[in-house]
Protein backbone atom coordinates (compact mmCIF):
# COMPACT_ATOMS: atom_id res chain seq x y z
CA MET A 1 -62.34 -23.62 -64.76
CA ALA A 2 -60.08 -21.82 -62.49
CA THR A 3 -63.37 -20.49 -61.12
CA GLU A 4 -65.20 -23.72 -60.89
CA ALA A 5 -62.03 -24.92 -58.55
CA ALA A 6 -62.11 -21.79 -56.43
CA HIS A 7 -65.87 -22.87 -55.93
CA ALA A 8 -64.84 -26.02 -55.01
CA GLN A 9 -62.56 -25.44 -52.39
CA PRO A 10 -64.11 -25.99 -48.69
CA ALA A 11 -65.04 -23.03 -47.05
CA PRO A 12 -62.65 -21.56 -44.47
CA ARG A 13 -62.98 -23.06 -41.13
CA LYS A 14 -64.31 -20.69 -38.32
CA PRO A 15 -61.61 -19.95 -35.67
CA ALA A 16 -61.59 -22.27 -32.64
CA ALA A 17 -63.27 -20.36 -29.59
CA HIS A 18 -61.27 -20.31 -26.79
CA VAL A 19 -62.03 -21.04 -23.34
CA VAL A 20 -60.18 -20.06 -20.18
CA LEU A 21 -60.76 -22.79 -16.78
CA LEU A 22 -59.29 -21.84 -13.39
CA ALA A 23 -58.93 -24.49 -10.86
CA SER A 24 -58.44 -24.03 -7.10
CA PRO A 25 -55.73 -25.43 -5.26
CA GLY A 26 -56.49 -29.27 -4.45
CA ALA A 27 -56.65 -32.49 -6.33
CA GLY A 28 -60.61 -32.66 -6.10
CA HIS A 29 -60.44 -29.30 -7.94
CA VAL A 30 -57.88 -29.32 -10.50
CA LEU A 31 -58.70 -33.10 -11.93
CA PRO A 32 -62.50 -32.49 -12.51
CA MET A 33 -61.40 -28.92 -14.01
CA ALA A 34 -58.94 -30.94 -16.36
CA GLU A 35 -61.88 -33.42 -17.26
CA LEU A 36 -63.92 -30.52 -18.03
CA ALA A 37 -61.07 -28.85 -20.29
CA GLN A 38 -61.17 -32.46 -22.13
CA LEU A 39 -64.52 -32.26 -22.38
CA VAL A 40 -64.80 -28.97 -24.08
CA VAL A 41 -62.09 -29.14 -26.40
CA ALA A 42 -63.34 -32.67 -27.52
CA HIS A 43 -66.98 -30.89 -28.37
CA GLY A 44 -68.23 -31.34 -32.00
CA ASP A 45 -65.54 -32.53 -34.57
CA GLY A 46 -62.22 -31.61 -32.07
CA ALA A 47 -61.58 -28.52 -33.91
CA GLU A 48 -64.10 -26.10 -32.71
CA PHE A 49 -62.38 -25.43 -29.14
CA THR A 50 -59.52 -24.68 -27.70
CA ALA A 51 -58.67 -24.25 -23.84
CA THR A 52 -56.25 -22.95 -21.32
CA LEU A 53 -56.34 -24.63 -18.15
CA VAL A 54 -55.10 -22.33 -15.36
CA THR A 55 -53.64 -23.48 -11.99
CA ASN A 56 -51.75 -22.06 -9.06
CA ALA A 57 -48.34 -22.77 -7.54
CA ASN A 58 -49.60 -22.74 -4.15
CA PHE A 59 -50.43 -26.15 -2.91
CA SER A 60 -49.34 -27.75 -6.27
CA SER A 61 -48.45 -31.57 -6.35
CA ALA A 62 -47.01 -34.01 -8.50
CA SER A 63 -50.02 -36.33 -8.86
CA TYR A 64 -51.79 -33.72 -10.52
CA TYR A 65 -48.91 -32.52 -12.66
CA SER A 66 -48.68 -35.35 -13.54
CA THR A 67 -52.41 -35.12 -14.96
CA LEU A 68 -51.87 -31.99 -16.78
CA ASP A 69 -48.64 -33.14 -18.42
CA SER A 70 -50.80 -35.71 -20.40
CA LEU A 71 -53.41 -33.57 -21.58
CA PRO A 72 -54.09 -32.78 -25.30
CA ALA A 73 -52.18 -30.33 -27.57
CA SER A 74 -55.59 -28.47 -27.76
CA ILE A 75 -55.22 -27.63 -23.81
CA SER A 76 -52.62 -25.57 -22.97
CA THR A 77 -51.44 -24.82 -19.24
CA ALA A 78 -50.69 -21.98 -17.05
CA VAL A 79 -49.65 -21.50 -13.65
CA LEU A 80 -50.20 -18.59 -11.81
CA PRO A 81 -47.32 -17.73 -9.44
CA GLU A 82 -47.16 -18.38 -5.33
CA VAL A 83 -48.67 -15.98 -3.16
CA SER A 84 -47.05 -15.53 0.30
CA LEU A 85 -49.76 -16.70 3.46
CA ASP A 86 -47.29 -16.22 6.04
CA ASP A 87 -49.72 -13.52 7.77
CA LEU A 88 -52.22 -16.08 7.96
CA PRO A 89 -52.72 -18.26 11.19
CA ALA A 90 -51.25 -21.38 11.87
CA ASP A 91 -54.66 -22.90 12.21
CA ALA A 92 -56.72 -21.43 9.48
CA ARG A 93 -58.97 -23.58 7.67
CA VAL A 94 -58.08 -24.79 4.45
CA GLU A 95 -61.07 -23.05 2.84
CA THR A 96 -59.23 -19.78 4.14
CA ARG A 97 -56.08 -20.70 2.53
CA ILE A 98 -57.31 -21.37 -0.96
CA LEU A 99 -59.96 -18.12 -1.14
CA THR A 100 -57.16 -16.17 0.05
CA VAL A 101 -54.90 -17.76 -2.80
CA ILE A 102 -57.89 -16.83 -5.13
CA GLU A 103 -57.64 -13.23 -4.43
CA ARG A 104 -54.22 -12.81 -4.17
CA THR A 105 -53.67 -14.30 -7.42
CA LEU A 106 -56.29 -11.93 -8.86
CA PRO A 107 -53.74 -9.41 -10.32
CA HIS A 108 -51.82 -12.28 -12.11
CA LEU A 109 -55.09 -13.46 -13.39
CA ASN A 110 -56.15 -10.21 -14.74
CA GLU A 111 -52.80 -10.01 -16.66
CA LEU A 112 -52.98 -13.38 -18.03
CA LEU A 113 -56.47 -12.91 -19.38
CA SER A 114 -55.71 -9.74 -20.79
CA PHE A 115 -52.56 -11.47 -22.55
CA LEU A 116 -55.01 -14.02 -23.95
CA LEU A 117 -57.99 -11.81 -24.91
CA ASP A 118 -55.37 -9.80 -27.08
CA SER A 119 -53.95 -13.13 -28.76
CA PRO A 120 -55.24 -14.27 -32.18
CA ALA A 121 -57.22 -16.87 -30.39
CA GLY A 122 -59.04 -14.18 -28.09
CA VAL A 123 -61.06 -15.74 -24.88
CA ALA A 124 -64.81 -16.67 -25.56
CA ALA A 125 -65.76 -17.77 -22.23
CA PHE A 126 -64.00 -17.77 -18.55
CA VAL A 127 -65.05 -20.81 -15.84
CA ALA A 128 -63.60 -20.66 -12.49
CA ASP A 129 -64.45 -23.57 -10.07
CA VAL A 130 -66.47 -23.12 -6.91
CA PHE A 131 -63.89 -21.25 -5.04
CA GLY A 132 -63.15 -18.98 -7.85
CA ALA A 133 -66.02 -16.70 -7.64
CA TRP A 134 -63.89 -13.84 -7.06
CA ALA A 135 -62.42 -14.32 -10.36
CA LEU A 136 -65.74 -13.69 -11.64
CA GLU A 137 -65.11 -9.91 -11.33
CA VAL A 138 -61.84 -9.87 -13.57
CA SER A 139 -63.41 -11.56 -16.52
CA ALA A 140 -66.74 -9.12 -16.32
CA GLU A 141 -64.51 -5.97 -16.12
CA LEU A 142 -62.31 -7.47 -19.50
CA GLY A 143 -65.76 -8.22 -21.01
CA ILE A 144 -65.61 -11.82 -21.33
CA PRO A 145 -68.55 -14.10 -20.02
CA GLY A 146 -67.96 -15.64 -16.80
CA TYR A 147 -69.16 -19.22 -15.69
CA LEU A 148 -69.05 -21.16 -12.47
CA THR A 149 -68.21 -24.97 -12.56
CA SER A 150 -69.45 -26.89 -9.55
CA THR A 151 -67.50 -29.87 -9.29
CA THR A 152 -70.14 -31.11 -6.82
CA ASN A 153 -73.38 -31.76 -7.52
CA LEU A 154 -76.95 -29.44 -7.70
CA THR A 155 -78.36 -29.63 -4.45
CA THR A 156 -74.75 -28.68 -3.12
CA LEU A 157 -74.59 -25.63 -5.27
CA HIS A 158 -78.08 -24.57 -4.44
CA SER A 159 -77.51 -24.90 -0.77
CA ILE A 160 -74.44 -22.38 -1.00
CA VAL A 161 -76.38 -19.75 -3.18
CA TYR A 162 -78.56 -19.66 -0.40
CA ILE A 163 -76.32 -18.97 2.46
CA PRO A 164 -76.30 -15.38 2.04
CA GLU A 165 -80.25 -15.68 2.87
CA LEU A 166 -79.63 -17.89 5.77
CA ASP A 167 -76.85 -15.69 7.15
CA LYS A 168 -79.49 -12.49 7.13
CA THR A 169 -82.49 -14.34 8.57
CA THR A 170 -80.73 -16.51 11.03
CA ALA A 171 -78.44 -15.64 14.23
CA CYS A 172 -77.63 -18.89 15.54
CA GLU A 173 -75.25 -21.48 14.45
CA PHE A 174 -76.62 -23.48 11.36
CA ARG A 175 -75.85 -26.67 13.42
CA ASP A 176 -78.36 -25.70 16.05
CA LEU A 177 -81.33 -24.58 13.32
CA PRO A 178 -84.47 -26.37 14.61
CA GLU A 179 -86.12 -27.05 11.26
CA PRO A 180 -84.96 -28.60 8.21
CA ILE A 181 -83.37 -26.19 5.32
CA ARG A 182 -85.76 -27.13 2.34
CA LEU A 183 -84.74 -25.97 -0.87
CA PRO A 184 -86.93 -26.59 -4.26
CA GLY A 185 -86.34 -29.75 -5.52
CA CYS A 186 -83.68 -30.81 -3.05
CA VAL A 187 -83.63 -33.14 -0.06
CA PRO A 188 -84.32 -31.46 3.28
CA LEU A 189 -80.95 -30.69 4.71
CA ARG A 190 -80.11 -30.21 8.70
CA GLY A 191 -78.32 -27.10 9.21
CA ALA A 192 -75.46 -29.35 10.73
CA ASP A 193 -75.32 -30.97 7.08
CA LEU A 194 -74.48 -27.80 5.57
CA VAL A 195 -70.82 -27.14 4.35
CA ASP A 196 -67.90 -27.27 7.04
CA PRO A 197 -66.60 -23.49 6.86
CA ILE A 198 -70.17 -22.08 7.78
CA GLN A 199 -70.94 -24.07 10.98
CA ASP A 200 -68.65 -21.73 13.12
CA ARG A 201 -69.82 -18.05 12.73
CA THR A 202 -66.79 -16.69 14.67
CA ASN A 203 -64.32 -18.32 12.18
CA PRO A 204 -62.38 -15.87 9.55
CA ALA A 205 -63.56 -18.54 7.18
CA TYR A 206 -67.15 -17.39 7.78
CA PRO A 207 -67.48 -14.52 6.37
CA LEU A 208 -65.16 -15.20 3.38
CA VAL A 209 -67.56 -17.90 2.55
CA VAL A 210 -70.62 -16.03 2.84
CA GLU A 211 -69.22 -13.47 0.54
CA LEU A 212 -68.27 -16.31 -1.79
CA ALA A 213 -71.65 -17.25 -2.19
CA ARG A 214 -72.91 -13.69 -2.96
CA ARG A 215 -70.53 -13.77 -5.66
CA TYR A 216 -71.54 -16.78 -7.21
CA LEU A 217 -74.77 -14.82 -8.71
CA LEU A 218 -72.02 -12.86 -11.04
CA ALA A 219 -72.01 -15.87 -12.86
CA ASP A 220 -73.23 -15.68 -16.52
CA GLY A 221 -74.39 -19.83 -15.84
CA PHE A 222 -73.23 -22.50 -13.49
CA ILE A 223 -72.01 -25.81 -15.14
CA VAL A 224 -72.70 -28.39 -12.75
CA ASN A 225 -71.32 -32.01 -12.96
CA THR A 226 -74.37 -33.78 -12.30
CA PHE A 227 -76.90 -35.62 -14.44
CA ASP A 228 -80.66 -35.74 -14.95
CA ALA A 229 -81.18 -39.22 -13.13
CA MET A 230 -79.20 -38.40 -10.44
CA GLU A 231 -81.29 -34.81 -9.59
CA HIS A 232 -84.13 -35.04 -11.77
CA GLU A 233 -86.48 -32.80 -9.19
CA ALA A 234 -83.42 -30.51 -7.92
CA ILE A 235 -82.10 -29.55 -11.76
CA ALA A 236 -86.26 -28.79 -12.74
CA ALA A 237 -86.63 -26.66 -9.77
CA PHE A 238 -83.74 -24.95 -10.14
CA ASP A 239 -84.23 -24.23 -13.91
CA VAL A 240 -87.79 -22.66 -12.86
CA LEU A 241 -85.63 -20.26 -10.42
CA SER A 242 -83.29 -19.67 -13.13
CA HIS A 243 -86.31 -18.34 -15.51
CA GLN A 244 -87.67 -16.29 -12.70
CA GLY A 245 -84.65 -14.36 -12.85
CA VAL A 246 -83.29 -15.66 -8.85
CA TYR A 247 -80.47 -17.15 -10.04
CA PRO A 248 -78.51 -17.65 -13.18
CA PRO A 249 -79.01 -20.55 -15.22
CA ALA A 250 -77.50 -24.26 -14.49
CA TYR A 251 -76.32 -26.42 -16.65
CA PRO A 252 -76.16 -29.97 -15.69
CA VAL A 253 -73.54 -31.71 -17.88
CA GLY A 254 -72.24 -34.58 -16.18
CA PRO A 255 -70.43 -36.95 -15.12
CA PHE A 256 -67.66 -36.02 -16.68
CA VAL A 257 -65.05 -38.30 -14.89
CA ARG A 258 -61.85 -39.43 -15.65
CA THR A 259 -61.84 -42.96 -17.31
CA LEU A 260 -59.42 -45.93 -17.59
CA SER A 261 -58.15 -45.32 -20.86
CA GLY A 262 -57.49 -41.54 -20.02
CA SER A 263 -56.33 -41.75 -16.38
CA SER A 264 -52.96 -41.10 -15.41
CA GLU A 265 -53.17 -44.26 -12.93
CA ALA A 266 -53.00 -46.60 -15.52
CA ALA A 267 -49.58 -46.05 -15.69
CA ASP A 268 -49.20 -46.25 -11.97
CA ALA A 269 -51.31 -49.40 -11.67
CA GLU A 270 -48.38 -51.25 -13.54
CA GLU A 271 -46.02 -50.13 -10.72
CA ASP A 272 -48.52 -50.87 -8.11
CA SER A 273 -50.34 -53.86 -9.02
CA SER A 274 -50.63 -56.05 -6.12
CA CYS A 275 -53.86 -54.99 -4.78
CA LEU A 276 -55.28 -55.59 -8.54
CA ARG A 277 -53.60 -59.18 -8.76
CA TRP A 278 -55.13 -59.64 -5.11
CA LEU A 279 -58.58 -58.69 -6.59
CA ASP A 280 -58.22 -61.11 -9.29
CA GLU A 281 -58.14 -63.87 -7.26
CA GLN A 282 -61.32 -62.61 -5.36
CA PRO A 283 -65.05 -63.85 -6.32
CA ASP A 284 -67.37 -61.36 -8.48
CA ARG A 285 -68.90 -58.29 -6.41
CA SER A 286 -67.34 -60.00 -3.03
CA VAL A 287 -64.70 -57.13 -2.25
CA LEU A 288 -65.59 -53.74 -0.13
CA TYR A 289 -63.38 -51.19 -1.25
CA VAL A 290 -62.68 -48.77 1.91
CA CYS A 291 -61.02 -45.20 0.83
CA PHE A 292 -61.82 -41.73 1.91
CA GLY A 293 -60.26 -39.55 -1.19
CA SER A 294 -57.01 -37.55 -1.31
CA GLY A 295 -57.89 -35.47 1.74
CA GLY A 296 -59.47 -37.34 4.01
CA THR A 297 -58.15 -38.54 7.37
CA LEU A 298 -59.72 -40.31 10.30
CA SER A 299 -58.74 -40.31 13.79
CA THR A 300 -56.70 -42.79 15.78
CA GLU A 301 -59.72 -43.85 17.35
CA GLN A 302 -61.91 -44.33 14.40
CA THR A 303 -59.07 -45.87 12.42
CA ALA A 304 -59.14 -48.61 15.03
CA GLU A 305 -62.72 -49.11 15.23
CA LEU A 306 -62.97 -49.27 11.67
CA ALA A 307 -60.07 -51.78 11.31
CA ALA A 308 -62.20 -53.93 14.27
CA GLY A 309 -65.33 -53.91 12.46
CA LEU A 310 -63.77 -55.21 9.23
CA GLU A 311 -62.30 -57.92 10.87
CA ALA A 312 -65.86 -58.73 12.83
CA SER A 313 -67.59 -58.68 9.86
CA GLY A 314 -65.77 -61.16 7.64
CA GLN A 315 -66.08 -59.34 4.52
CA ARG A 316 -63.34 -59.13 2.07
CA PHE A 317 -61.94 -55.47 2.07
CA LEU A 318 -59.33 -53.61 0.18
CA TRP A 319 -58.29 -50.93 2.71
CA VAL A 320 -56.52 -47.62 1.34
CA VAL A 321 -55.09 -46.79 4.74
CA ARG A 322 -53.41 -43.08 5.22
CA PHE A 323 -51.87 -41.75 8.54
CA PRO A 324 -54.58 -40.53 10.91
CA SER A 325 -54.94 -37.30 12.32
CA ASP A 326 -56.75 -36.19 15.48
CA LYS A 327 -57.23 -32.55 14.85
CA ASP A 328 -58.59 -32.26 11.13
CA ARG A 329 -60.56 -34.42 8.90
CA MET A 330 -59.15 -33.09 5.77
CA ALA A 331 -55.40 -33.14 6.99
CA SER A 332 -54.33 -34.63 4.12
CA PHE A 333 -56.14 -32.34 1.55
CA LEU A 334 -53.55 -29.73 0.44
CA GLY A 335 -50.86 -32.46 1.16
CA ALA A 336 -49.79 -31.97 4.49
CA GLY A 337 -50.91 -35.62 5.68
CA GLY A 338 -51.43 -36.58 9.39
CA ARG A 339 -47.95 -38.37 9.11
CA ASP A 340 -46.35 -38.76 12.79
CA ASN A 341 -42.40 -38.65 12.67
CA GLY A 342 -42.77 -41.80 14.88
CA HIS A 343 -44.14 -43.94 12.29
CA ASP A 344 -42.90 -44.75 8.70
CA SER A 345 -46.10 -46.52 7.53
CA PRO A 346 -50.02 -45.65 8.22
CA ILE A 347 -50.45 -49.53 8.43
CA SER A 348 -48.39 -48.98 11.84
CA TYR A 349 -51.22 -47.56 13.36
CA LEU A 350 -53.82 -50.26 12.68
CA PRO A 351 -54.43 -52.92 15.45
CA GLU A 352 -51.79 -55.00 16.62
CA GLY A 353 -51.98 -58.36 14.41
CA PHE A 354 -55.07 -57.01 12.22
CA VAL A 355 -53.15 -57.60 9.12
CA GLU A 356 -51.89 -61.16 9.77
CA ARG A 357 -55.49 -62.15 11.35
CA THR A 358 -57.32 -60.63 7.87
CA ARG A 359 -54.71 -61.82 5.55
CA ASP A 360 -57.20 -64.35 4.37
CA THR A 361 -60.08 -61.87 3.74
CA GLY A 362 -58.48 -58.57 3.46
CA LEU A 363 -55.88 -56.36 1.53
CA VAL A 364 -54.05 -53.53 3.10
CA VAL A 365 -52.31 -50.36 1.19
CA ALA A 366 -50.40 -47.73 2.32
CA GLU A 367 -51.29 -44.51 0.98
CA TRP A 368 -52.59 -44.63 -2.59
CA ALA A 369 -53.79 -47.32 -4.44
CA PRO A 370 -55.10 -47.03 -8.25
CA GLN A 371 -59.21 -46.04 -7.30
CA LEU A 372 -60.63 -46.33 -10.87
CA GLU A 373 -58.92 -49.92 -11.66
CA ILE A 374 -60.28 -51.14 -8.64
CA LEU A 375 -63.73 -49.66 -9.05
CA ASN A 376 -64.18 -51.08 -12.18
CA HIS A 377 -62.60 -54.66 -11.38
CA ARG A 378 -65.31 -57.19 -11.48
CA ALA A 379 -64.55 -58.19 -7.83
CA VAL A 380 -65.60 -55.04 -6.26
CA GLY A 381 -69.04 -54.79 -4.74
CA GLY A 382 -68.80 -51.95 -2.37
CA PHE A 383 -67.83 -48.75 -1.60
CA VAL A 384 -66.81 -47.23 1.77
CA SER A 385 -66.44 -43.57 0.62
CA HIS A 386 -66.04 -40.21 2.15
CA CYS A 387 -68.65 -38.95 -0.29
CA GLY A 388 -66.43 -36.45 -2.13
CA TRP A 389 -68.32 -35.90 -5.77
CA ASN A 390 -65.43 -37.35 -7.78
CA SER A 391 -64.90 -40.64 -5.83
CA THR A 392 -68.99 -40.81 -6.19
CA LEU A 393 -69.43 -40.14 -9.59
CA GLU A 394 -66.41 -42.80 -10.29
CA ALA A 395 -68.59 -45.21 -8.33
CA VAL A 396 -71.46 -44.36 -10.42
CA ALA A 397 -69.99 -44.77 -13.61
CA ALA A 398 -68.60 -48.24 -12.45
CA GLY A 399 -72.21 -49.22 -11.16
CA VAL A 400 -70.51 -49.76 -7.35
CA PRO A 401 -73.05 -49.18 -4.18
CA MET A 402 -71.68 -47.00 -1.33
CA LEU A 403 -71.22 -46.37 2.03
CA ALA A 404 -71.64 -43.06 3.03
CA TRP A 405 -69.22 -41.59 5.35
CA PRO A 406 -68.19 -37.86 4.98
CA LEU A 407 -66.02 -36.22 6.40
CA TYR A 408 -65.38 -32.57 5.71
CA ALA A 409 -66.48 -29.67 2.92
CA GLU A 410 -69.93 -30.42 1.33
CA GLN A 411 -69.55 -34.36 1.87
CA ARG A 412 -72.42 -34.35 4.42
CA VAL A 413 -74.65 -33.09 1.97
CA ASN A 414 -73.71 -35.40 -0.56
CA ALA A 415 -74.23 -38.23 2.16
CA VAL A 416 -77.83 -37.07 2.93
CA MET A 417 -78.55 -37.01 -0.85
CA LEU A 418 -77.06 -40.15 -1.66
CA CYS A 419 -79.12 -41.82 0.83
CA GLU A 420 -82.33 -40.18 1.57
CA ARG A 421 -82.99 -39.33 -2.13
CA VAL A 422 -80.86 -40.83 -4.40
CA GLY A 423 -80.97 -44.32 -3.07
CA LEU A 424 -77.09 -45.09 -3.83
CA ALA A 425 -75.75 -45.34 -0.42
CA LEU A 426 -76.18 -46.73 3.19
CA ARG A 427 -75.13 -44.82 6.30
CA PRO A 428 -73.37 -46.05 8.80
CA ARG A 429 -74.87 -44.70 12.42
CA VAL A 430 -72.25 -42.83 14.86
CA GLY A 431 -72.01 -43.92 18.64
CA THR A 432 -73.79 -42.66 21.60
CA GLU A 433 -73.53 -38.80 22.49
CA GLY A 434 -69.75 -38.38 23.78
CA SER A 435 -68.34 -40.77 21.02
CA ASP A 436 -67.44 -37.80 19.33
CA GLY A 437 -68.60 -38.81 15.89
CA VAL A 438 -66.81 -42.24 16.12
CA VAL A 439 -68.66 -45.32 14.17
CA PRO A 440 -68.09 -48.07 16.70
CA ARG A 441 -67.00 -51.29 15.26
CA GLU A 442 -70.35 -53.31 15.51
CA GLU A 443 -71.84 -50.58 13.53
CA VAL A 444 -68.97 -51.02 10.64
CA ALA A 445 -69.55 -54.88 11.04
CA VAL A 446 -73.47 -54.60 10.29
CA SER A 447 -73.33 -51.96 8.02
CA VAL A 448 -70.67 -53.74 5.69
CA THR A 449 -72.16 -56.85 5.60
CA GLU A 450 -75.37 -54.89 4.83
CA LEU A 451 -73.87 -53.36 2.09
CA ILE A 452 -72.31 -56.41 0.26
CA ALA A 453 -74.80 -59.22 1.30
CA GLY A 454 -78.04 -58.00 3.03
CA GLU A 455 -81.46 -57.01 2.00
CA ARG A 456 -81.42 -53.25 2.55
CA GLY A 457 -78.05 -53.40 0.25
CA ALA A 458 -80.07 -55.23 -2.36
CA ALA A 459 -81.88 -52.10 -3.44
CA VAL A 460 -78.74 -49.90 -2.99
CA ARG A 461 -77.15 -52.85 -5.27
CA GLU A 462 -79.78 -52.52 -7.95
CA LYS A 463 -79.94 -48.31 -7.82
CA ALA A 464 -76.11 -48.69 -8.78
CA ARG A 465 -76.58 -50.61 -11.92
CA GLN A 466 -79.59 -48.26 -12.66
CA LEU A 467 -77.35 -45.32 -12.41
CA ARG A 468 -74.56 -46.85 -14.25
CA GLU A 469 -76.71 -47.12 -17.43
CA ALA A 470 -78.52 -43.87 -16.76
CA ALA A 471 -74.80 -42.42 -16.66
CA ALA A 472 -74.03 -43.41 -19.92
CA GLU A 473 -77.22 -42.76 -21.76
CA ALA A 474 -76.76 -39.10 -20.02
CA TRP A 475 -74.13 -38.20 -22.73
CA GLY A 476 -75.53 -40.23 -25.36
CA PRO A 477 -76.82 -38.80 -28.98
CA GLU A 478 -79.83 -37.56 -27.21
CA GLY A 479 -78.98 -37.32 -23.48
CA PRO A 480 -79.95 -34.72 -21.81
CA SER A 481 -76.31 -33.77 -20.44
CA ARG A 482 -75.22 -33.65 -24.31
CA LYS A 483 -78.24 -31.27 -25.13
CA ALA A 484 -77.29 -28.95 -21.77
CA PHE A 485 -73.28 -29.03 -23.20
CA GLU A 486 -74.47 -28.15 -26.50
CA ASP A 487 -76.45 -25.36 -25.69
CA ILE A 488 -73.92 -23.62 -23.69
CA ALA A 489 -71.20 -24.48 -26.18
CA GLY A 490 -73.23 -22.92 -28.79
CA LYS A 491 -73.29 -19.60 -26.80
CA TRP A 492 -69.21 -19.54 -26.42
CA LYS A 493 -69.15 -20.32 -30.19
CA LYS A 494 -71.46 -17.34 -30.90
CA ALA A 495 -69.25 -15.13 -28.14
CA ALA A 496 -66.11 -16.10 -30.62
CA ALA A 497 -67.96 -15.41 -33.68
CA ALA A 498 -68.91 -11.68 -32.42
CA ARG A 499 -65.32 -11.22 -31.19
CA ALA A 500 -63.83 -12.30 -34.60
CA ALA A 501 -66.72 -10.17 -36.51
CA THR A 502 -65.31 -6.94 -34.75
């Protein structure tokens, strides 16, 4: 009987595979990496993986630390110590600052990974985000499989890994290239549409980004926050290149985005729900949500033109207004903002009388609003967005069409793809030559009206509905994103099992 009882005992559970994820500074990197960490530990029966999410003390913000505090117990967190950037020039680009932080914290990352590697759980895989390619050398030295997460789409990832080839074969500024760049499966891109930090070869950020792109090829694979219905041709073409040994394999496992039930915004919305109460009073799909992300910043002139265009359109709108900056379109990315000591609120930059004149059709909110709650509200029918990928996927998951208004980073690539290949967005035209890229009020009025009520907008609105369904199906039982994730998760489990056997 004792023998029978022994045989009846369940087989011992295999130790959980431990995955370490490194997030670069900035909410646009920390938040999606936190979502990926939750996706990892939720895989299977929820006991197959544990994770450590590593962030940086440099440029830390309370907004994403609140997210880290809400992570499940199976995700631990670690913060790399602050490093000095005092030797960088005052006008150093954000990308230069971030890449310098990553490089200078590598010894601390090595120490952390070595400690975790020697712990009982070990490390089955190391995952860095798009700015963390330098860290792949650390994981390789320690014998840990290293992966790169693209917190944007595969088209952008492909355009980045192609940068060293462009650097080698061209001499002019990329914005002056006479012909579009045609990457297999991707929408043709003008040189001017490529990522911001490579648009000036004389800027110190340029060689850093070229070298960063070279180091992408150190990855054992790319984990991409996209899905088949968004980028079918790009995924298929990249898969061919991977099989040919040109690039590491890509795993399209998206969309992984914050949800209403799992976001830290839900609690904040209780404290600032005036915009939600206002939305409750509006007709279905009638309101245009206007927000340029956590880092996007308009100029003073563009803020005034946008306000005048919204007013002239007569469309309902909910606008999250931030302090403008006439120097930097990403002035708020690392928390600096475009604040002027002479103004207590960004609303004071709006045209005189604008808030009063539009009181019946619009609502202006300073600095912040609960975006997930807003996008998923029945009254919202369109989104004026900077095309940051997190915001784009949140709009996709909510079925909301977009007006593409790119500002910095890879957002022009996103805008071209969304408008010309995916069909999810319309794009307003900038003014005539000499307008410094400002979208005039007349174009604002025409574009927002088209998105909400026009014939061209109807196709975009239908595409948004279709993509919402496809996004949900991507993670269904037989969905392509689920299969891609199971593929890479299987590799990590095998790595953990091999380690446990030694």
